[in-house]
Amino acid sequence: MNLQFSKQPKILDVLTRNGLKTFSRPNELNIIGIRSSSTVSNKFDDVLHVCYATEMGTWHQHIFHCTTDPGTYFLNHPMNKLGSALLKHGQYLNAYELGLHRGKYKALVQRKPVTVYRSKNNSTDIDSKTAHAQTGLFGINIHHASGNGTTQDVNRWSAGCQVIANINDFKELITLAEKHAKQYGNHFTYTLLDYRTEGYEPIAFSNENPNTTVLKETEKTTQTYEDIPNADNKHSTHKAGVLLLGLTALLGLGTGVYYITSNNKK
């Protein structure tokens, strides 16, 4: 889904309000992950916003389902003796570039240091005041899960990377990144926010149907992985059909509400 705006999307106002940098040149990407309030591990319950201005001065925004947390496997079997990696909230300027994820396929790979917390208690619910933090090159990449359809469970797809659940969403991100790189060079800024960030209106997930997402503003959805030497590719993947029901106010009055329902079939 690709939504269009006459003015910049609200998520960019949130960055400005919190003293973070935004980009407004045509096709220059703003890549923003939002770590959700969900305490359920192993699910793609976070979102990745990708926003950019067009040559005509309008704005496009994509929102992809993703995970910003490691999967259950690596929480229980951390690759580092200090614990599993959990990317710290913040803005990482020019920290990513187009490259090969694990030498296999094109993705956004870490090129400058980032900061991670290390979970020793098999949990992604880390108290930043007491958790052990490290800054360095850890292979915290932005990549996809399965190469087919939509992956339902994180499992071994992430040891701390930012992983997009749907392969077509990921391909769309790479297409946009290639366009950005041709105009501005092969470097990208990634911003990770907590759902409690001042000014942010969380995207609500339906309790009745966890595959239904309710967007509280007129915006779009999409998602991305870490330092795993041998990821297990034996995942159940599903082709997802997406039904978009848009309720927008007439004559520009009011706020649009979008319901995105994913009907999964084996």
Protein backbone atom coordinates (compact mmCIF):
# COMPACT_ATOMS: atom_id res chain seq x y z
CA MET A 1 0.00 0.00 0.00
CA ASN A 2 1.28 3.42 -0.99
CA LEU A 3 -0.57 6.41 0.43
CA GLN A 4 -0.07 9.94 -0.83
CA PHE A 5 -0.14 13.23 1.05
CA SER A 6 -0.03 16.90 0.13
CA LYS A 7 2.05 17.58 3.25
CA GLN A 8 4.62 15.41 4.98
CA PRO A 9 3.23 12.40 6.94
CA LYS A 10 2.66 12.80 10.67
CA ILE A 11 5.45 10.37 11.53
CA LEU A 12 7.95 12.96 10.28
CA ASP A 13 6.38 15.58 12.54
CA VAL A 14 7.12 13.19 15.42
CA LEU A 15 10.80 13.09 14.46
CA THR A 16 10.99 16.89 14.24
CA ARG A 17 9.23 17.25 17.58
CA ASN A 18 11.86 14.99 19.17
CA GLY A 19 14.84 16.79 17.63
CA LEU A 20 15.57 14.15 15.00
CA LYS A 21 16.53 14.76 11.40
CA THR A 22 14.13 14.35 8.46
CA PHE A 23 14.81 14.36 4.71
CA SER A 24 12.71 16.20 2.15
CA ARG A 25 14.57 16.13 -1.16
CA PRO A 26 12.74 14.20 -3.92
CA ASN A 27 13.07 10.41 -3.45
CA GLU A 28 15.27 10.82 -0.36
CA LEU A 29 14.15 8.15 2.09
CA ASN A 30 13.09 8.53 5.70
CA ILE A 31 13.26 4.98 7.15
CA ILE A 32 11.65 4.74 10.58
CA GLY A 33 11.03 1.64 12.67
CA ILE A 34 8.45 1.66 15.45
CA ARG A 35 8.84 -0.89 18.25
CA SER A 36 5.31 -1.74 19.38
CA SER A 37 3.87 -2.17 22.86
CA SER A 38 3.34 -5.88 22.26
CA THR A 39 5.05 -8.17 24.77
CA VAL A 40 4.44 -11.25 22.64
CA SER A 41 7.76 -12.50 21.33
CA ASN A 42 8.42 -14.06 17.94
CA LYS A 43 5.82 -12.06 15.98
CA PHE A 44 6.12 -9.41 13.26
CA ASP A 45 4.24 -6.90 15.39
CA ASP A 46 6.36 -3.79 14.74
CA VAL A 47 6.14 -1.45 11.75
CA LEU A 48 8.56 0.21 9.34
CA HIS A 49 7.63 3.58 7.87
CA VAL A 50 9.29 4.60 4.60
CA CYS A 51 8.48 8.19 3.59
CA TYR A 52 9.72 10.39 0.76
CA ALA A 53 8.80 13.49 -1.18
CA THR A 54 8.20 13.34 -4.93
CA GLU A 55 9.41 15.70 -7.64
CA MET A 56 5.89 17.18 -7.64
CA GLY A 57 6.14 18.14 -3.98
CA THR A 58 3.70 15.52 -2.67
CA TRP A 59 4.61 12.82 -0.17
CA HIS A 60 4.40 9.03 -0.27
CA GLN A 61 4.44 6.79 2.77
CA HIS A 62 4.77 3.01 3.01
CA ILE A 63 4.21 1.12 6.25
CA PHE A 64 5.47 -2.48 6.41
CA HIS A 65 4.95 -5.12 9.09
CA CYS A 66 8.30 -6.10 10.60
CA THR A 67 10.13 -7.11 13.73
CA THR A 68 12.71 -4.94 15.47
CA ASP A 69 13.39 -7.69 18.04
CA PRO A 70 15.23 -11.00 17.87
CA GLY A 71 13.18 -14.17 17.46
CA THR A 72 12.55 -16.70 20.21
CA TYR A 73 15.30 -19.02 19.02
CA PHE A 74 18.06 -16.43 19.45
CA LEU A 75 16.60 -15.13 22.69
CA ASN A 76 17.04 -18.66 24.04
CA HIS A 77 20.31 -19.32 22.18
CA PRO A 78 22.13 -15.95 22.04
CA MET A 79 25.07 -15.75 19.66
CA ASN A 80 26.91 -13.44 22.04
CA LYS A 81 27.79 -14.46 25.60
CA LEU A 82 26.47 -11.10 26.81
CA GLY A 83 23.02 -11.90 25.42
CA SER A 84 20.84 -11.33 22.38
CA ALA A 85 21.07 -7.99 20.56
CA LEU A 86 18.21 -5.52 20.77
CA LEU A 87 18.77 -2.31 18.78
CA LYS A 88 18.55 0.77 20.99
CA HIS A 89 16.04 3.45 20.08
CA GLY A 90 17.61 6.39 18.32
CA GLN A 91 18.66 7.82 14.98
CA TYR A 92 21.62 6.27 13.14
CA LEU A 93 22.76 8.81 10.56
CA ASN A 94 24.12 7.30 7.33
CA ALA A 95 24.62 3.99 9.15
CA TYR A 96 23.23 1.80 6.35
CA GLU A 97 23.99 1.08 2.71
CA LEU A 98 22.80 -1.24 -0.04
CA GLY A 99 24.87 -4.40 0.16
CA LEU A 100 24.57 -8.16 0.44
CA HIS A 101 22.88 -9.63 3.49
CA ARG A 102 25.04 -12.60 4.57
CA GLY A 103 26.51 -12.47 1.07
CA LYS A 104 23.27 -13.73 -0.47
CA TYR A 105 20.91 -10.94 -1.55
CA LYS A 106 20.65 -7.17 -1.71
CA ALA A 107 19.49 -5.54 1.53
CA LEU A 108 20.23 -2.51 3.70
CA VAL A 109 23.33 -3.50 5.67
CA GLN A 110 25.02 -1.83 8.60
CA ARG A 111 28.03 0.31 7.60
CA LYS A 112 28.56 2.43 10.74
CA PRO A 113 28.32 1.63 14.47
CA VAL A 114 24.94 1.25 16.14
CA THR A 115 24.09 0.65 19.80
CA VAL A 116 22.42 -2.52 21.07
CA TYR A 117 21.23 -3.74 24.42
CA ARG A 118 22.09 -7.29 25.38
CA SER A 119 19.29 -9.42 26.81
CA LYS A 120 20.43 -11.99 29.37
CA ASN A 121 16.97 -13.06 30.48
CA ASN A 122 15.58 -14.34 27.16
CA SER A 123 13.31 -11.30 26.91
CA THR A 124 12.94 -8.30 24.63
CA ASP A 125 11.51 -6.31 27.57
CA ILE A 126 14.82 -4.72 28.55
CA ASP A 127 15.18 -1.94 31.09
CA SER A 128 17.50 0.51 29.34
CA LYS A 129 18.74 1.78 32.71
CA THR A 130 20.14 -1.58 33.73
CA ALA A 131 20.72 -3.46 30.48
CA HIS A 132 24.23 -3.89 29.15
CA ALA A 133 24.76 -1.76 26.03
CA GLN A 134 27.36 -2.11 23.28
CA THR A 135 28.19 0.11 20.31
CA GLY A 136 29.83 -1.31 17.21
CA LEU A 137 29.41 -3.22 13.97
CA PHE A 138 27.17 -6.18 14.71
CA GLY A 139 25.53 -6.88 11.37
CA ILE A 140 22.21 -5.34 12.42
CA ASN A 141 20.80 -5.32 8.90
CA ILE A 142 17.42 -4.48 7.40
CA HIS A 143 16.33 -7.50 5.37
CA HIS A 144 13.44 -9.87 4.63
CA ALA A 145 12.31 -13.12 6.23
CA SER A 146 11.28 -15.88 3.81
CA GLY A 147 11.76 -15.31 0.10
CA ASN A 148 8.12 -16.27 -0.49
CA GLY A 149 4.89 -14.68 0.72
CA THR A 150 4.47 -13.47 4.30
CA THR A 151 6.32 -15.09 7.19
CA GLN A 152 4.20 -15.48 10.32
CA ASP A 153 6.80 -16.21 13.04
CA VAL A 154 10.23 -14.65 13.51
CA ASN A 155 12.03 -17.79 14.77
CA ARG A 156 15.59 -17.73 13.34
CA TRP A 157 15.00 -14.90 10.89
CA SER A 158 16.33 -12.34 13.36
CA ALA A 159 19.08 -12.32 15.98
CA GLY A 160 18.61 -8.57 16.33
CA CYS A 161 18.12 -7.33 12.75
CA GLN A 162 15.14 -5.35 11.51
CA VAL A 163 13.22 -7.91 9.43
CA ILE A 164 10.34 -7.34 6.99
CA ALA A 165 7.69 -10.08 7.00
CA ASN A 166 6.45 -9.84 3.41
CA ILE A 167 8.81 -10.39 0.48
CA ASN A 168 6.98 -8.00 -1.86
CA ASP A 169 7.13 -5.24 0.75
CA PHE A 170 10.86 -5.80 1.01
CA LYS A 171 11.32 -5.67 -2.76
CA GLU A 172 9.47 -2.35 -2.79
CA LEU A 173 11.85 -0.99 -0.14
CA ILE A 174 14.89 -2.03 -2.18
CA THR A 175 13.48 -0.41 -5.33
CA LEU A 176 13.02 2.86 -3.44
CA ALA A 177 16.50 2.56 -1.91
CA GLU A 178 18.10 2.08 -5.32
CA LYS A 179 16.42 5.25 -6.56
CA HIS A 180 17.63 7.13 -3.47
CA ALA A 181 21.19 5.82 -3.94
CA LYS A 182 21.38 6.98 -7.55
CA GLN A 183 20.51 10.52 -6.56
CA TYR A 184 22.17 10.96 -3.16
CA GLY A 185 24.71 8.16 -2.76
CA ASN A 186 24.66 4.76 -1.12
CA HIS A 187 24.00 5.77 2.47
CA PHE A 188 20.78 5.71 4.48
CA THR A 189 19.70 6.91 7.91
CA TYR A 190 17.64 4.57 10.07
CA THR A 191 15.58 5.81 13.01
CA LEU A 192 14.11 3.46 15.59
CA LEU A 193 11.39 4.82 17.87
CA ASP A 194 9.54 3.37 20.81
CA TYR A 195 5.74 3.43 20.65
CA ARG A 196 5.85 5.73 23.70
CA THR A 197 7.83 8.41 21.83
CA GLU A 198 6.29 11.84 22.39
CA GLY A 199 3.73 12.70 19.74
CA TYR A 200 3.49 9.21 18.23
CA GLU A 201 0.04 7.66 17.84
CA PRO A 202 0.51 3.89 18.03
CA ILE A 203 -0.95 1.61 15.40
CA ALA A 204 -3.45 -0.62 17.15
CA PHE A 205 -3.60 -4.37 16.54
CA SER A 206 -7.01 -5.98 16.80
CA ASN A 207 -7.40 -8.26 19.82
CA GLU A 208 -10.02 -10.30 18.01
CA ASN A 209 -7.92 -10.82 14.90
CA PRO A 210 -4.15 -10.38 15.31
CA ASN A 211 -3.80 -10.19 11.53
CA THR A 212 -5.85 -6.98 11.44
CA THR A 213 -4.12 -3.64 11.83
CA VAL A 214 -5.93 -0.37 12.48
CA LEU A 215 -4.08 2.71 11.31
CA LYS A 216 -5.10 5.83 13.19
CA GLU A 217 -4.07 8.22 10.44
CA THR A 218 -3.98 8.32 6.65
CA GLU A 219 -0.79 6.35 6.10
CA LYS A 220 0.68 3.08 4.52
CA THR A 221 2.33 -0.26 5.87
CA THR A 222 5.67 -2.50 5.29
CA GLN A 223 8.84 -4.47 7.30
CA THR A 224 13.07 -6.46 8.06
CA TYR A 225 17.29 -9.19 10.35
CA GLU A 226 21.07 -9.46 12.34
CA ASP A 227 24.31 -11.34 12.77
CA ILE A 228 23.13 -14.90 12.03
CA PRO A 229 25.67 -17.15 10.35
CA ASN A 230 23.21 -19.92 9.50
CA ALA A 231 19.52 -19.00 9.48
CA ASP A 232 17.01 -21.82 9.33
CA ASN A 233 14.99 -21.39 6.13
CA LYS A 234 12.39 -24.01 7.06
CA HIS A 235 9.55 -21.61 7.72
CA SER A 236 5.87 -21.78 7.08
CA THR A 237 5.11 -18.99 4.67
CA HIS A 238 1.74 -17.79 3.56
CA LYS A 239 0.49 -15.76 0.67
CA ALA A 240 -1.40 -12.85 2.12
CA GLY A 241 -4.29 -11.08 0.55
CA VAL A 242 -4.76 -7.51 1.71
CA LEU A 243 -8.11 -5.81 1.94
CA LEU A 244 -7.99 -2.08 2.39
CA LEU A 245 -11.13 -0.31 3.54
CA GLY A 246 -10.58 3.44 3.48
CA LEU A 247 -12.84 5.74 5.42
CA THR A 248 -11.89 9.32 4.58
CA ALA A 249 -13.79 12.46 5.40
CA LEU A 250 -15.26 14.51 2.58
CA LEU A 251 -13.71 17.78 1.41
CA GLY A 252 -10.56 17.20 3.43
CA LEU A 253 -12.34 17.22 6.80
CA GLY A 254 -11.48 14.64 9.43
CA THR A 255 -8.92 11.87 9.64
CA GLY A 256 -8.79 8.74 7.50
CA VAL A 257 -8.91 5.35 9.19
CA TYR A 258 -7.59 2.29 7.33
CA TYR A 259 -8.18 -1.34 8.19
CA ILE A 260 -5.64 -3.75 6.74
CA THR A 261 -6.72 -7.37 6.95
CA SER A 262 -4.43 -10.21 5.99
CA ASN A 263 -6.20 -13.45 5.06
CA ASN A 264 -3.60 -16.19 5.24
CA LYS A 265 -3.85 -19.45 3.34
CA LYS A 266 -1.44 -22.36 3.30
